[in-house]
């Protein structure tokens, strides 16, 4: 089981497939674009937003 930098288990995420190709580390240059896109579709992920603001390089954690 993987937990993305968004804070949600990838297996349980409803955005998988068409809307989301997975999370990237908060330090990735495209991460801020991802946060803006997710906000534009009213999908708020405060953990990913925080990772981007702090430029956290953690991608995912296996539980």
C-alpha atoms as a PDB file:
ATOM      1  CA  UNK A   1       0.000   0.000   0.000  1.00  0.00           C
ATOM      2  CA  UNK A   2       1.394   3.411  -0.973  1.00  0.00           C
ATOM      3  CA  UNK A   3       0.477   6.762   0.521  1.00  0.00           C
ATOM      4  CA  UNK A   4       1.216   9.618  -1.854  1.00  0.00           C
ATOM      5  CA  UNK A   5       2.581  12.999  -0.864  1.00  0.00           C
ATOM      6  CA  UNK A   6      -1.051  14.155  -1.072  1.00  0.00           C
ATOM      7  CA  UNK A   7      -1.677  12.134   2.109  1.00  0.00           C
ATOM      8  CA  UNK A   8      -4.112   9.667   0.530  1.00  0.00           C
ATOM      9  CA  UNK A   9      -3.587   5.975  -0.135  1.00  0.00           C
ATOM     10  CA  UNK A  10      -3.123   5.613  -3.906  1.00  0.00           C
ATOM     11  CA  UNK A  11      -5.322   2.494  -3.934  1.00  0.00           C
ATOM     12  CA  UNK A  12      -8.221   4.382  -2.346  1.00  0.00           C
ATOM     13  CA  UNK A  13      -7.939   7.639  -4.311  1.00  0.00           C
ATOM     14  CA  UNK A  14     -10.928   8.454  -6.515  1.00  0.00           C
ATOM     15  CA  UNK A  15      -8.846  10.582  -8.904  1.00  0.00           C
ATOM     16  CA  UNK A  16      -6.651   7.733 -10.128  1.00  0.00           C
ATOM     17  CA  UNK A  17      -6.551   7.020 -13.836  1.00  0.00           C
ATOM     18  CA  UNK A  18      -8.180   9.826 -15.825  1.00  0.00           C
ATOM     19  CA  UNK A  19      -7.723  12.876 -13.577  1.00  0.00           C
ATOM     20  CA  UNK A  20      -4.546  11.998 -11.738  1.00  0.00           C
ATOM     21  CA  UNK A  21      -1.447  10.140 -12.792  1.00  0.00           C
ATOM     22  CA  UNK A  22      -0.110  10.047  -9.238  1.00  0.00           C
ATOM     23  CA  UNK A  23       1.635  12.413  -6.892  1.00  0.00           C
ATOM     24  CA  UNK A  24       5.133  13.698  -7.245  1.00  0.00           C
ATOM     25  CA  UNK A  25       7.427  15.001  -4.498  1.00  0.00           C
ATOM     26  CA  UNK A  26       6.669  18.498  -3.267  1.00  0.00           C
ATOM     27  CA  UNK A  27      10.120  19.564  -4.497  1.00  0.00           C
ATOM     28  CA  UNK A  28       9.265  18.608  -8.109  1.00  0.00           C
ATOM     29  CA  UNK A  29       8.807  21.724 -10.318  1.00  0.00           C
ATOM     30  CA  UNK A  30       5.500  20.382 -11.691  1.00  0.00           C
ATOM     31  CA  UNK A  31       4.051  19.790  -8.193  1.00  0.00           C
ATOM     32  CA  UNK A  32       2.797  23.368  -7.826  1.00  0.00           C
ATOM     33  CA  UNK A  33       0.995  23.052 -11.190  1.00  0.00           C
ATOM     34  CA  UNK A  34      -0.625  19.861  -9.914  1.00  0.00           C
ATOM     35  CA  UNK A  35      -1.861  21.637  -6.772  1.00  0.00           C
ATOM     36  CA  UNK A  36      -3.323  24.463  -8.891  1.00  0.00           C
ATOM     37  CA  UNK A  37      -5.052  21.934 -11.171  1.00  0.00           C
ATOM     38  CA  UNK A  38      -6.489  19.989  -8.252  1.00  0.00           C
ATOM     39  CA  UNK A  39      -7.800  23.212  -6.676  1.00  0.00           C
ATOM     40  CA  UNK A  40      -9.392  24.164 -10.013  1.00  0.00           C
ATOM     41  CA  UNK A  41     -11.488  20.970  -9.946  1.00  0.00           C
ATOM     42  CA  UNK A  42     -12.308  21.525  -6.266  1.00  0.00           C
ATOM     43  CA  UNK A  43     -10.128  18.624  -5.129  1.00  0.00           C
ATOM     44  CA  UNK A  44      -8.246  19.916  -2.112  1.00  0.00           C
ATOM     45  CA  UNK A  45      -5.192  18.034  -0.854  1.00  0.00           C
ATOM     46  CA  UNK A  46      -3.719  20.048   2.032  1.00  0.00           C
ATOM     47  CA  UNK A  47      -0.880  17.569   2.628  1.00  0.00           C
ATOM     48  CA  UNK A  48       0.322  17.861  -0.990  1.00  0.00           C
ATOM     49  CA  UNK A  49      -0.099  21.653  -0.790  1.00  0.00           C
ATOM     50  CA  UNK A  50       2.063  21.689   2.355  1.00  0.00           C
ATOM     51  CA  UNK A  51       4.675  19.428   0.709  1.00  0.00           C
ATOM     52  CA  UNK A  52       4.890  21.870  -2.207  1.00  0.00           C
ATOM     53  CA  UNK A  53       5.175  24.913   0.073  1.00  0.00           C
ATOM     54  CA  UNK A  54       7.939  23.244   2.109  1.00  0.00           C
ATOM     55  CA  UNK A  55       9.521  21.637  -0.988  1.00  0.00           C
ATOM     56  CA  UNK A  56       9.376  18.255   0.738  1.00  0.00           C
ATOM     57  CA  UNK A  57      11.036  15.601  -1.394  1.00  0.00           C
ATOM     58  CA  UNK A  58       9.067  12.697   0.131  1.00  0.00           C
ATOM     59  CA  UNK A  59       7.222  10.960  -2.699  1.00  0.00           C
ATOM     60  CA  UNK A  60       5.370   8.166  -0.943  1.00  0.00           C
ATOM     61  CA  UNK A  61       5.519   5.893   2.008  1.00  0.00           C
ATOM     62  CA  UNK A  62       4.881   2.156   1.957  1.00  0.00           C
ATOM     63  CA  UNK A  63       2.821   0.991   4.897  1.00  0.00           C
END
